[in-house]
């Protein structure tokens, strides 16, 4: 059986994860977004053999000194999250 929807549906990650947590849907999200939730047992990975993989994330920014503290905090947080 094949189903082709006649409309498009878009939702942000927060609402998508809430719908999954409420047991309303199954969905695909990037592993780095749900890794902690899967590890804690709150979510279960389905069909891991069909997982979509991507190249590692890269962050490009000017190397000059003098970045703001906020900029440095964001860069550090992204490095930790991606690790």
PDB file of N, CA and C in Angstrom:
ATOM      1  N   UNK A   1       0.841  -1.167   0.000  1.00  0.00           N
ATOM      2  CA  UNK A   1       0.000   0.000   0.000  1.00  0.00           C
ATOM      3  C   UNK A   1       0.888   1.233   0.000  1.00  0.00           C
ATOM      4  N   UNK A   2       0.552   2.202  -0.807  1.00  0.00           N
ATOM      5  CA  UNK A   2       1.295   3.455  -0.872  1.00  0.00           C
ATOM      6  C   UNK A   2       0.356   4.603  -0.567  1.00  0.00           C
ATOM      7  N   UNK A   3       0.849   5.544   0.229  1.00  0.00           N
ATOM      8  CA  UNK A   3       0.065   6.729   0.566  1.00  0.00           C
ATOM      9  C   UNK A   3       0.857   7.952   0.157  1.00  0.00           C
ATOM     10  N   UNK A   4       0.279   8.797  -0.674  1.00  0.00           N
ATOM     11  CA  UNK A   4       0.920  10.039  -1.079  1.00  0.00           C
ATOM     12  C   UNK A   4       0.082  11.201  -0.573  1.00  0.00           C
ATOM     13  N   UNK A   5       0.572  11.924   0.436  1.00  0.00           N
ATOM     14  CA  UNK A   5      -0.214  13.048   0.965  1.00  0.00           C
ATOM     15  C   UNK A   5      -0.346  14.156  -0.075  1.00  0.00           C
ATOM     16  N   UNK A   6      -1.461  14.853  -0.050  1.00  0.00           N
ATOM     17  CA  UNK A   6      -1.709  15.915  -1.011  1.00  0.00           C
ATOM     18  C   UNK A   6      -1.397  17.286  -0.433  1.00  0.00           C
ATOM     19  N   UNK A   7      -0.799  17.315   0.726  1.00  0.00           N
ATOM     20  CA  UNK A   7      -0.435  18.594   1.331  1.00  0.00           C
ATOM     21  C   UNK A   7       0.922  18.459   2.002  1.00  0.00           C
ATOM     22  N   UNK A   8       1.480  19.587   2.380  1.00  0.00           N
ATOM     23  CA  UNK A   8       2.750  19.591   3.087  1.00  0.00           C
ATOM     24  C   UNK A   8       2.500  19.977   4.533  1.00  0.00           C
ATOM     25  N   UNK A   9       3.348  19.459   5.404  1.00  0.00           N
ATOM     26  CA  UNK A   9       3.208  19.725   6.827  1.00  0.00           C
ATOM     27  C   UNK A   9       4.582  20.053   7.374  1.00  0.00           C
ATOM     28  N   UNK A  10       4.683  21.130   8.095  1.00  0.00           N
ATOM     29  CA  UNK A  10       5.966  21.534   8.660  1.00  0.00           C
ATOM     30  C   UNK A  10       5.790  21.790  10.152  1.00  0.00           C
ATOM     31  N   UNK A  11       6.791  21.388  10.937  1.00  0.00           N
ATOM     32  CA  UNK A  11       6.706  21.553  12.385  1.00  0.00           C
ATOM     33  C   UNK A  11       8.121  21.719  12.931  1.00  0.00           C
ATOM     34  N   UNK A  12       8.268  22.486  14.001  1.00  0.00           N
ATOM     35  CA  UNK A  12       9.606  22.667  14.555  1.00  0.00           C
ATOM     36  C   UNK A  12       9.964  21.505  15.471  1.00  0.00           C
ATOM     37  N   UNK A  13      11.234  21.383  15.800  1.00  0.00           N
ATOM     38  CA  UNK A  13      11.704  20.244  16.588  1.00  0.00           C
ATOM     39  C   UNK A  13      11.058  20.160  17.959  1.00  0.00           C
ATOM     40  N   UNK A  14      10.834  21.305  18.606  1.00  0.00           N
ATOM     41  CA  UNK A  14      10.231  21.275  19.943  1.00  0.00           C
ATOM     42  C   UNK A  14       8.836  20.648  19.896  1.00  0.00           C
ATOM     43  N   UNK A  15       8.012  21.096  18.973  1.00  0.00           N
ATOM     44  CA  UNK A  15       6.655  20.546  18.869  1.00  0.00           C
ATOM     45  C   UNK A  15       6.679  19.095  18.412  1.00  0.00           C
ATOM     46  N   UNK A  16       7.598  18.780  17.517  1.00  0.00           N
ATOM     47  CA  UNK A  16       7.726  17.403  17.039  1.00  0.00           C
ATOM     48  C   UNK A  16       8.079  16.468  18.195  1.00  0.00           C
ATOM     49  N   UNK A  17       9.051  16.868  19.019  1.00  0.00           N
ATOM     50  CA  UNK A  17       9.450  16.030  20.155  1.00  0.00           C
ATOM     51  C   UNK A  17       8.341  15.931  21.191  1.00  0.00           C
ATOM     52  N   UNK A  18       7.570  17.004  21.356  1.00  0.00           N
ATOM     53  CA  UNK A  18       6.436  16.947  22.280  1.00  0.00           C
ATOM     54  C   UNK A  18       5.397  15.947  21.782  1.00  0.00           C
ATOM     55  N   UNK A  19       5.125  15.953  20.485  1.00  0.00           N
ATOM     56  CA  UNK A  19       4.162  15.006  19.917  1.00  0.00           C
ATOM     57  C   UNK A  19       4.646  13.569  20.072  1.00  0.00           C
ATOM     58  N   UNK A  20       5.949  13.346  19.900  1.00  0.00           N
ATOM     59  CA  UNK A  20       6.510  12.006  20.096  1.00  0.00           C
ATOM     60  C   UNK A  20       6.385  11.598  21.556  1.00  0.00           C
ATOM     61  N   UNK A  21       6.741  12.496  22.469  1.00  0.00           N
ATOM     62  CA  UNK A  21       6.659  12.199  23.904  1.00  0.00           C
ATOM     63  C   UNK A  21       5.232  11.896  24.337  1.00  0.00           C
ATOM     64  N   UNK A  22       4.269  12.548  23.681  1.00  0.00           N
ATOM     65  CA  UNK A  22       2.856  12.316  23.998  1.00  0.00           C
ATOM     66  C   UNK A  22       2.313  11.050  23.333  1.00  0.00           C
ATOM     67  N   UNK A  23       3.147  10.375  22.551  1.00  0.00           N
ATOM     68  CA  UNK A  23       2.718   9.140  21.903  1.00  0.00           C
ATOM     69  C   UNK A  23       1.826   9.348  20.695  1.00  0.00           C
ATOM     70  N   UNK A  24       1.869  10.539  20.100  1.00  0.00           N
ATOM     71  CA  UNK A  24       0.982  10.844  18.980  1.00  0.00           C
ATOM     72  C   UNK A  24       1.567  10.477  17.621  1.00  0.00           C
ATOM     73  N   UNK A  25       2.888  10.497  17.505  1.00  0.00           N
ATOM     74  CA  UNK A  25       3.532  10.296  16.206  1.00  0.00           C
ATOM     75  C   UNK A  25       4.855   9.566  16.373  1.00  0.00           C
ATOM     76  N   UNK A  26       5.379   9.093  15.245  1.00  0.00           N
ATOM     77  CA  UNK A  26       6.792   8.736  15.166  1.00  0.00           C
ATOM     78  C   UNK A  26       7.394   9.758  14.209  1.00  0.00           C
ATOM     79  N   UNK A  27       8.663  10.037  14.345  1.00  0.00           N
ATOM     80  CA  UNK A  27       9.262  11.094  13.538  1.00  0.00           C
ATOM     81  C   UNK A  27      10.736  10.848  13.339  1.00  0.00           C
ATOM     82  N   UNK A  28      11.337  11.623  12.459  1.00  0.00           N
ATOM     83  CA  UNK A  28      12.778  11.609  12.270  1.00  0.00           C
ATOM     84  C   UNK A  28      13.309  12.950  12.741  1.00  0.00           C
ATOM     85  N   UNK A  29      14.337  12.910  13.564  1.00  0.00           N
ATOM     86  CA  UNK A  29      15.072  14.115  13.963  1.00  0.00           C
ATOM     87  C   UNK A  29      16.552  13.765  13.990  1.00  0.00           C
ATOM     88  N   UNK A  30      17.376  14.771  13.926  1.00  0.00           N
ATOM     89  CA  UNK A  30      18.819  14.551  13.980  1.00  0.00           C
ATOM     90  C   UNK A  30      19.180  13.893  15.306  1.00  0.00           C
ATOM     91  N   UNK A  31      20.080  12.928  15.244  1.00  0.00           N
ATOM     92  CA  UNK A  31      20.458  12.156  16.433  1.00  0.00           C
ATOM     93  C   UNK A  31      20.970  13.045  17.555  1.00  0.00           C
ATOM     94  N   UNK A  32      21.732  14.096  17.217  1.00  0.00           N
ATOM     95  CA  UNK A  32      22.291  14.941  18.271  1.00  0.00           C
ATOM     96  C   UNK A  32      21.204  15.659  19.068  1.00  0.00           C
ATOM     97  N   UNK A  33      20.018  15.789  18.509  1.00  0.00           N
ATOM     98  CA  UNK A  33      18.922  16.452  19.217  1.00  0.00           C
ATOM     99  C   UNK A  33      18.280  15.516  20.237  1.00  0.00           C
ATOM    100  N   UNK A  34      18.252  14.217  19.952  1.00  0.00           N
ATOM    101  CA  UNK A  34      17.550  13.272  20.827  1.00  0.00           C
ATOM    102  C   UNK A  34      18.450  12.254  21.512  1.00  0.00           C
ATOM    103  N   UNK A  35      19.758  12.363  21.341  1.00  0.00           N
ATOM    104  CA  UNK A  35      20.675  11.356  21.892  1.00  0.00           C
ATOM    105  C   UNK A  35      20.487  11.173  23.393  1.00  0.00           C
ATOM    106  N   UNK A  36      20.401  12.266  24.140  1.00  0.00           N
ATOM    107  CA  UNK A  36      20.230  12.162  25.594  1.00  0.00           C
ATOM    108  C   UNK A  36      18.895  11.516  25.955  1.00  0.00           C
ATOM    109  N   UNK A  37      17.851  11.864  25.221  1.00  0.00           N
ATOM    110  CA  UNK A  37      16.520  11.321  25.500  1.00  0.00           C
ATOM    111  C   UNK A  37      16.461   9.832  25.181  1.00  0.00           C
ATOM    112  N   UNK A  38      17.122   9.416  24.114  1.00  0.00           N
ATOM    113  CA  UNK A  38      17.191   7.986  23.786  1.00  0.00           C
ATOM    114  C   UNK A  38      17.998   7.254  24.843  1.00  0.00           C
ATOM    115  N   UNK A  39      19.131   7.840  25.224  1.00  0.00           N
ATOM    116  CA  UNK A  39      19.996   7.211  26.230  1.00  0.00           C
ATOM    117  C   UNK A  39      19.269   7.048  27.571  1.00  0.00           C
ATOM    118  N   UNK A  40      18.410   8.010  27.918  1.00  0.00           N
ATOM    119  CA  UNK A  40      17.679   7.934  29.190  1.00  0.00           C
ATOM    120  C   UNK A  40      16.524   6.938  29.135  1.00  0.00           C
ATOM    121  N   UNK A  41      16.165   6.482  27.926  1.00  0.00           N
ATOM    122  CA  UNK A  41      15.073   5.530  27.791  1.00  0.00           C
ATOM    123  C   UNK A  41      13.715   6.168  27.569  1.00  0.00           C
ATOM    124  N   UNK A  42      13.656   7.497  27.503  1.00  0.00           N
ATOM    125  CA  UNK A  42      12.374   8.173  27.284  1.00  0.00           C
ATOM    126  C   UNK A  42      11.876   7.999  25.849  1.00  0.00           C
ATOM    127  N   UNK A  43      12.816   7.856  24.915  1.00  0.00           N
ATOM    128  CA  UNK A  43      12.468   7.580  23.522  1.00  0.00           C
ATOM    129  C   UNK A  43      13.195   6.326  23.076  1.00  0.00           C
ATOM    130  N   UNK A  44      12.652   5.678  22.068  1.00  0.00           N
ATOM    131  CA  UNK A  44      13.247   4.466  21.512  1.00  0.00           C
ATOM    132  C   UNK A  44      13.530   4.714  20.037  1.00  0.00           C
ATOM    133  N   UNK A  45      14.713   4.329  19.602  1.00  0.00           N
ATOM    134  CA  UNK A  45      15.061   4.470  18.196  1.00  0.00           C
ATOM    135  C   UNK A  45      14.406   3.344  17.399  1.00  0.00           C
ATOM    136  N   UNK A  46      13.708   3.718  16.330  1.00  0.00           N
ATOM    137  CA  UNK A  46      13.074   2.747  15.446  1.00  0.00           C
ATOM    138  C   UNK A  46      13.872   2.643  14.156  1.00  0.00           C
ATOM    139  N   UNK A  47      13.991   1.451  13.632  1.00  0.00           N
ATOM    140  CA  UNK A  47      14.629   1.200  12.343  1.00  0.00           C
ATOM    141  C   UNK A  47      16.026   1.810  12.224  1.00  0.00           C
ATOM    142  N   UNK A  48      16.910   1.522  13.173  1.00  0.00           N
ATOM    143  CA  UNK A  48      18.255   2.119  13.107  1.00  0.00           C
ATOM    144  C   UNK A  48      19.021   1.733  11.843  1.00  0.00           C
ATOM    145  N   UNK A  49      18.666   0.609  11.238  1.00  0.00           N
ATOM    146  CA  UNK A  49      19.359   0.207  10.014  1.00  0.00           C
ATOM    147  C   UNK A  49      19.054   1.136   8.839  1.00  0.00           C
ATOM    148  N   UNK A  50      18.022   1.966   8.968  1.00  0.00           N
ATOM    149  CA  UNK A  50      17.675   2.927   7.931  1.00  0.00           C
ATOM    150  C   UNK A  50      18.018   4.354   8.329  1.00  0.00           C
ATOM    151  N   UNK A  51      18.822   4.514   9.342  1.00  0.00           N
ATOM    152  CA  UNK A  51      19.168   5.851   9.835  1.00  0.00           C
ATOM    153  C   UNK A  51      19.854   6.668   8.744  1.00  0.00           C
ATOM    154  N   UNK A  52      19.481   7.919   8.668  1.00  0.00           N
ATOM    155  CA  UNK A  52      20.103   8.843   7.730  1.00  0.00           C
ATOM    156  C   UNK A  52      21.365   9.376   8.390  1.00  0.00           C
ATOM    157  N   UNK A  53      22.472   9.324   7.686  1.00  0.00           N
ATOM    158  CA  UNK A  53      23.721   9.831   8.246  1.00  0.00           C
ATOM    159  C   UNK A  53      24.196  11.034   7.443  1.00  0.00           C
ATOM    160  N   UNK A  54      24.873  11.910   8.125  1.00  0.00           N
ATOM    161  CA  UNK A  54      25.412  13.116   7.513  1.00  0.00           C
ATOM    162  C   UNK A  54      26.885  13.238   7.852  1.00  0.00           C
ATOM    163  N   UNK A  55      27.579  14.021   7.056  1.00  0.00           N
ATOM    164  CA  UNK A  55      28.958  14.341   7.384  1.00  0.00           C
ATOM    165  C   UNK A  55      28.973  15.129   8.692  1.00  0.00           C
ATOM    166  N   UNK A  56      30.113  15.154   9.369  1.00  0.00           N
ATOM    167  CA  UNK A  56      30.200  15.928  10.617  1.00  0.00           C
ATOM    168  C   UNK A  56      29.853  17.397  10.384  1.00  0.00           C
ATOM    169  N   UNK A  57      29.400  18.038  11.443  1.00  0.00           N
ATOM    170  CA  UNK A  57      29.104  19.467  11.371  1.00  0.00           C
ATOM    171  C   UNK A  57      30.396  20.265  11.464  1.00  0.00           C
ATOM    172  N   UNK A  58      30.437  21.357  10.746  1.00  0.00           N
ATOM    173  CA  UNK A  58      31.584  22.254  10.801  1.00  0.00           C
ATOM    174  C   UNK A  58      31.090  23.652  11.113  1.00  0.00           C
ATOM    175  N   UNK A  59      31.859  24.373  11.880  1.00  0.00           N
ATOM    176  CA  UNK A  59      31.526  25.749  12.229  1.00  0.00           C
ATOM    177  C   UNK A  59      32.633  26.641  11.688  1.00  0.00           C
ATOM    178  N   UNK A  60      32.272  27.555  10.817  1.00  0.00           N
ATOM    179  CA  UNK A  60      33.244  28.473  10.229  1.00  0.00           C
ATOM    180  C   UNK A  60      32.978  29.874  10.760  1.00  0.00           C
ATOM    181  N   UNK A  61      34.032  30.535  11.195  1.00  0.00           N
ATOM    182  CA  UNK A  61      33.916  31.908  11.654  1.00  0.00           C
ATOM    183  C   UNK A  61      35.281  32.579  11.521  1.00  0.00           C
ATOM    184  N   UNK A  62      35.300  33.913  11.480  1.00  0.00           N
ATOM    185  CA  UNK A  62      36.571  34.619  11.315  1.00  0.00           C
ATOM    186  C   UNK A  62      37.531  34.294  12.458  1.00  0.00           C
ATOM    187  N   UNK A  63      38.797  34.145  12.134  1.00  0.00           N
ATOM    188  CA  UNK A  63      39.773  33.772  13.156  1.00  0.00           C
ATOM    189  C   UNK A  63      40.315  34.972  13.925  1.00  0.00           C
ATOM    190  N   UNK A  64      39.943  36.145  13.518  1.00  0.00           N
ATOM    191  CA  UNK A  64      40.480  37.326  14.203  1.00  0.00           C
ATOM    192  C   UNK A  64      40.043  37.343  15.665  1.00  0.00           C
ATOM    193  N   UNK A  65      40.850  37.947  16.474  1.00  0.00           N
ATOM    194  CA  UNK A  65      40.544  38.019  17.910  1.00  0.00           C
ATOM    195  C   UNK A  65      39.507  39.105  18.162  1.00  0.00           C
ATOM    196  N   UNK A  66      39.011  39.129  19.361  1.00  0.00           N
ATOM    197  CA  UNK A  66      38.073  40.176  19.725  1.00  0.00           C
ATOM    198  C   UNK A  66      36.618  39.765  19.616  1.00  0.00           C
ATOM    199  N   UNK A  67      36.353  38.472  19.574  1.00  0.00           N
ATOM    200  CA  UNK A  67      34.958  38.029  19.567  1.00  0.00           C
ATOM    201  C   UNK A  67      34.329  38.359  20.913  1.00  0.00           C
ATOM    202  N   UNK A  68      33.045  38.620  20.903  1.00  0.00           N
ATOM    203  CA  UNK A  68      32.345  38.926  22.152  1.00  0.00           C
ATOM    204  C   UNK A  68      32.261  37.679  23.022  1.00  0.00           C
ATOM    205  N   UNK A  69      32.020  37.892  24.304  1.00  0.00           N
ATOM    206  CA  UNK A  69      31.857  36.766  25.229  1.00  0.00           C
ATOM    207  C   UNK A  69      30.675  35.893  24.826  1.00  0.00           C
ATOM    208  N   UNK A  70      29.605  36.522  24.359  1.00  0.00           N
ATOM    209  CA  UNK A  70      28.421  35.770  23.934  1.00  0.00           C
ATOM    210  C   UNK A  70      28.773  34.872  22.747  1.00  0.00           C
ATOM    211  N   UNK A  71      29.499  35.419  21.791  1.00  0.00           N
ATOM    212  CA  UNK A  71      29.922  34.629  20.634  1.00  0.00           C
ATOM    213  C   UNK A  71      30.751  33.432  21.084  1.00  0.00           C
ATOM    214  N   UNK A  72      31.710  33.661  21.968  1.00  0.00           N
ATOM    215  CA  UNK A  72      32.564  32.575  22.456  1.00  0.00           C
ATOM    216  C   UNK A  72      31.760  31.519  23.209  1.00  0.00           C
ATOM    217  N   UNK A  73      30.769  31.942  23.984  1.00  0.00           N
ATOM    218  CA  UNK A  73      29.914  30.987  24.703  1.00  0.00           C
ATOM    219  C   UNK A  73      29.119  30.120  23.731  1.00  0.00           C
ATOM    220  N   UNK A  74      28.604  30.739  22.684  1.00  0.00           N
ATOM    221  CA  UNK A  74      27.838  29.984  21.688  1.00  0.00           C
ATOM    222  C   UNK A  74      28.731  28.970  20.982  1.00  0.00           C
ATOM    223  N   UNK A  75      29.924  29.386  20.587  1.00  0.00           N
ATOM    224  CA  UNK A  75      30.860  28.472  19.927  1.00  0.00           C
ATOM    225  C   UNK A  75      31.198  27.316  20.854  1.00  0.00           C
ATOM    226  N   UNK A  76      31.484  27.613  22.122  1.00  0.00           N
ATOM    227  CA  UNK A  76      31.811  26.555  23.086  1.00  0.00           C
ATOM    228  C   UNK A  76      30.640  25.597  23.282  1.00  0.00           C
ATOM    229  N   UNK A  77      29.415  26.137  23.366  1.00  0.00           N
ATOM    230  CA  UNK A  77      28.232  25.292  23.556  1.00  0.00           C
ATOM    231  C   UNK A  77      28.018  24.382  22.350  1.00  0.00           C
ATOM    232  N   UNK A  78      28.227  24.901  21.159  1.00  0.00           N
ATOM    233  CA  UNK A  78      28.075  24.081  19.958  1.00  0.00           C
ATOM    234  C   UNK A  78      29.124  22.979  19.903  1.00  0.00           C
ATOM    235  N   UNK A  79      30.336  23.284  20.332  1.00  0.00           N
ATOM    236  CA  UNK A  79      31.391  22.266  20.353  1.00  0.00           C
ATOM    237  C   UNK A  79      31.047  21.146  21.325  1.00  0.00           C
ATOM    238  N   UNK A  80      30.522  21.503  22.500  1.00  0.00           N
ATOM    239  CA  UNK A  80      30.153  20.495  23.500  1.00  0.00           C
ATOM    240  C   UNK A  80      28.989  19.661  22.994  1.00  0.00           C
ATOM    241  N   UNK A  81      27.975  20.304  22.425  1.00  0.00           N
ATOM    242  CA  UNK A  81      26.785  19.597  21.948  1.00  0.00           C
ATOM    243  C   UNK A  81      27.132  18.620  20.830  1.00  0.00           C
ATOM    244  N   UNK A  82      28.069  19.000  19.974  1.00  0.00           N
ATOM    245  CA  UNK A  82      28.433  18.154  18.840  1.00  0.00           C
ATOM    246  C   UNK A  82      29.357  17.011  19.238  1.00  0.00           C
ATOM    247  N   UNK A  83      29.974  17.104  20.403  1.00  0.00           N
ATOM    248  CA  UNK A  83      30.938  16.065  20.819  1.00  0.00           C
ATOM    249  C   UNK A  83      30.263  14.793  21.273  1.00  0.00           C
TER     250      UNK A  83
END
